[in-house]
Every structure is written in C-alpha cells, then in structure tokens.
Protein backbone atom coordinates (compact mmCIF):
# COMPACT_ATOMS: atom_id res chain seq x y z
CA MET A 1 -41.65 8.54 160.70
CA LYS A 2 -43.34 6.79 163.62
CA LEU A 3 -46.01 5.49 161.22
CA LYS A 4 -43.36 3.95 158.94
CA LEU A 5 -41.64 2.33 161.92
CA ALA A 6 -44.93 0.94 163.22
CA ALA A 7 -45.82 -0.38 159.75
CA SER A 8 -42.39 -2.00 159.39
CA ILE A 9 -42.65 -3.67 162.79
CA THR A 10 -46.18 -4.88 162.02
CA LEU A 11 -45.01 -6.30 158.70
CA ALA A 12 -42.02 -8.04 160.29
CA VAL A 13 -44.14 -9.59 163.05
CA SER A 14 -46.78 -10.69 160.53
CA LEU A 15 -44.18 -12.36 158.32
CA PHE A 16 -42.65 -14.06 161.35
CA VAL A 17 -46.02 -15.44 162.46
CA VAL A 18 -46.86 -16.68 158.96
CA CYS A 19 -43.44 -18.05 157.96
CA VAL A 20 -42.16 -19.74 161.13
CA PRO A 21 -44.61 -22.69 160.90
CA MET A 22 -43.00 -23.65 157.58
CA TRP A 23 -39.94 -24.84 159.55
CA ALA A 24 -42.07 -26.79 162.02
CA HIS A 25 -42.27 -30.02 160.00
CA HIS A 26 -40.57 -32.84 161.81
CA GLY A 27 -37.76 -34.79 160.27
CA ASN A 28 -36.71 -38.38 160.66
CA SER A 29 -33.95 -37.70 163.17
CA ALA A 30 -35.52 -40.06 165.72
CA TYR A 31 -34.99 -43.01 163.36
CA ASP A 32 -31.80 -44.89 162.53
CA GLU A 33 -31.88 -44.78 158.72
CA ILE A 34 -28.40 -46.36 158.49
CA ASN A 35 -29.25 -49.60 160.32
CA VAL A 36 -32.45 -50.59 158.53
CA ILE A 37 -34.25 -53.69 159.82
CA THR A 38 -37.18 -55.87 158.78
CA VAL A 39 -39.88 -56.82 161.27
CA LYS A 40 -42.35 -59.61 160.58
CA GLY A 41 -45.72 -59.99 162.21
CA MET A 42 -49.47 -59.62 162.10
CA VAL A 43 -51.22 -56.33 161.40
CA THR A 44 -53.51 -55.26 164.24
CA GLU A 45 -54.53 -51.87 162.81
CA PHE A 46 -53.97 -49.75 159.71
CA VAL A 47 -54.74 -46.04 160.04
CA TRP A 48 -55.35 -44.31 156.70
CA SER A 49 -54.98 -40.63 157.57
CA ASN A 50 -52.97 -37.46 157.19
CA PRO A 51 -50.21 -36.58 157.63
CA HIS A 52 -48.80 -40.14 157.61
CA PHE A 53 -50.31 -43.60 157.56
CA GLN A 54 -49.72 -45.77 160.61
CA ILE A 55 -49.37 -49.53 160.73
CA PHE A 56 -49.70 -51.27 164.06
CA MET A 57 -48.54 -54.87 164.26
CA ASP A 58 -47.64 -57.61 166.70
CA VAL A 59 -44.13 -59.00 166.25
CA LYS A 60 -42.60 -61.96 168.06
CA ASP A 61 -39.32 -61.12 169.76
CA ASP A 62 -36.29 -63.41 170.19
CA LYS A 63 -37.77 -64.89 173.38
CA GLY A 64 -41.13 -65.73 171.82
CA GLY A 65 -42.98 -62.81 173.41
CA VAL A 66 -45.16 -60.45 171.43
CA VAL A 67 -44.11 -56.84 170.95
CA SER A 68 -46.56 -54.27 169.56
CA TRP A 69 -44.89 -52.15 166.89
CA SER A 70 -46.04 -48.79 165.53
CA ILE A 71 -44.79 -47.97 162.05
CA GLU A 72 -45.12 -44.59 160.38
CA THR A 73 -45.28 -44.51 156.60
CA GLN A 74 -45.65 -41.85 153.94
CA SER A 75 -48.51 -39.44 153.28
CA PRO A 76 -51.74 -40.58 151.59
CA GLY A 77 -50.80 -38.83 148.33
CA ILE A 78 -47.46 -40.62 148.01
CA LEU A 79 -48.91 -44.01 148.86
CA ARG A 80 -51.84 -43.58 146.46
CA ARG A 81 -49.31 -42.93 143.68
CA ASN A 82 -47.71 -46.23 144.68
CA GLY A 83 -51.02 -48.06 144.24
CA TRP A 84 -52.18 -48.15 147.87
CA THR A 85 -55.86 -48.08 148.86
CA LYS A 86 -57.68 -48.17 152.20
CA ALA A 87 -57.87 -51.94 151.79
CA SER A 88 -54.18 -52.44 151.00
CA ILE A 89 -53.49 -53.61 154.54
CA ILE A 90 -56.08 -55.13 156.82
CA PRO A 91 -55.91 -56.45 160.37
CA GLY A 92 -54.78 -60.06 160.33
CA ASP A 93 -52.40 -59.65 157.36
CA GLN A 94 -49.01 -61.27 157.90
CA ILE A 95 -46.39 -58.81 156.65
CA ALA A 96 -42.69 -58.04 156.76
CA VAL A 97 -41.88 -54.33 156.92
CA THR A 98 -38.49 -52.87 156.06
CA LEU A 99 -38.01 -49.83 158.25
CA ALA A 100 -35.70 -47.48 160.07
CA PRO A 101 -36.05 -48.32 163.78
CA ALA A 102 -36.18 -45.76 166.56
CA LYS A 103 -32.73 -44.79 167.79
CA ASN A 104 -33.85 -45.18 171.41
CA GLY A 105 -34.84 -48.85 170.94
CA ALA A 106 -38.59 -48.34 171.25
CA PRO A 107 -40.74 -50.60 169.02
CA VAL A 108 -41.49 -47.86 166.52
CA GLY A 109 -40.13 -47.23 163.07
CA TYR A 110 -40.40 -45.33 159.83
CA SER A 111 -41.01 -47.07 156.53
CA GLY A 112 -40.70 -44.53 153.78
CA ASN A 113 -38.45 -42.96 151.22
CA LYS A 114 -36.24 -45.40 149.32
CA LEU A 115 -35.85 -47.88 152.15
CA GLY A 116 -39.49 -48.71 152.72
CA LYS A 117 -41.34 -51.75 151.49
CA ILE A 118 -43.92 -54.14 152.81
CA LEU A 119 -43.83 -57.80 151.82
CA PHE A 120 -46.99 -59.86 152.22
CA SER A 121 -47.09 -63.59 152.95
CA ASP A 122 -48.36 -64.24 149.39
CA GLY A 123 -45.26 -62.53 147.95
CA HIS A 124 -46.68 -59.23 146.72
CA VAL A 125 -44.93 -56.02 147.71
CA LEU A 126 -46.16 -52.51 148.48
CA LYS A 127 -43.54 -49.79 148.20
CA THR A 128 -43.53 -46.69 150.38
CA ASP A 129 -40.98 -44.61 148.47
CA GLN A 130 -41.75 -41.35 146.67
CA ARG A 131 -42.44 -41.55 142.96
C-alpha cells in the first residue's frame, strides 16, 4: 500500500514538474491591442532570433525629440512563412510599424497577429500576421 502511495505521489509530482511550464508562455496583456498606433522612424537594429524578432528604431516625438522604440514581432517560423529573411530589415531603413503600444506608455510595442505590418519608404509592406 505504501509503495502504491509513493508511486502515485512520484507520478503526480513528475507530471506537475513537466506540465506546469506549458502554461508559462507570456501573453500580450502588457499591450493595448484595442488602440493600435503606427510609429514612423529609422531602424537602428533588427534582431533575428527566437522566440520573437525585435526591431529597434528611433522615432521623432511631437516635440522633435528622438525616442528609441523596441518592437516585438512574431517568431522566426511565422515571419519566414510571410517572406521575411535576415535582410528584410536593416539599420537605416525608414519604416512605419503598425503595433499595439505598451499599456504603461513605455516606447515598446507588439507588431504581430492580424494588426501587424511594416511599411517601407519605397511602399513595400511586410506582414507580421500568422498564415
């Protein structure tokens, strides 16, 4: 009887340890997906990595000052299916990014799902939605 109880407890603890990380993925609750905005500026860095790409850009504010934005996009797999490559965005590109801004007003945002797109100064568009 004690052996069955010990085995059951060991199984329960093992399942807990293995399964709990599945709920650890973050959501987009920090972003205001209802009040989507577009920011325009110059790319300073494009980080092609897992789990999400990052675009860093300098954006002029209403007073003419420069604000450094950090924009999170989709995963490499999703963006590859949308035609992205490591050379899709390079420092110096002038772009306009449609994104969900941070709810706390920080210069960060999320460009993904159906709302996300990046418009280049020459008119071509890269989409960040899932396909």
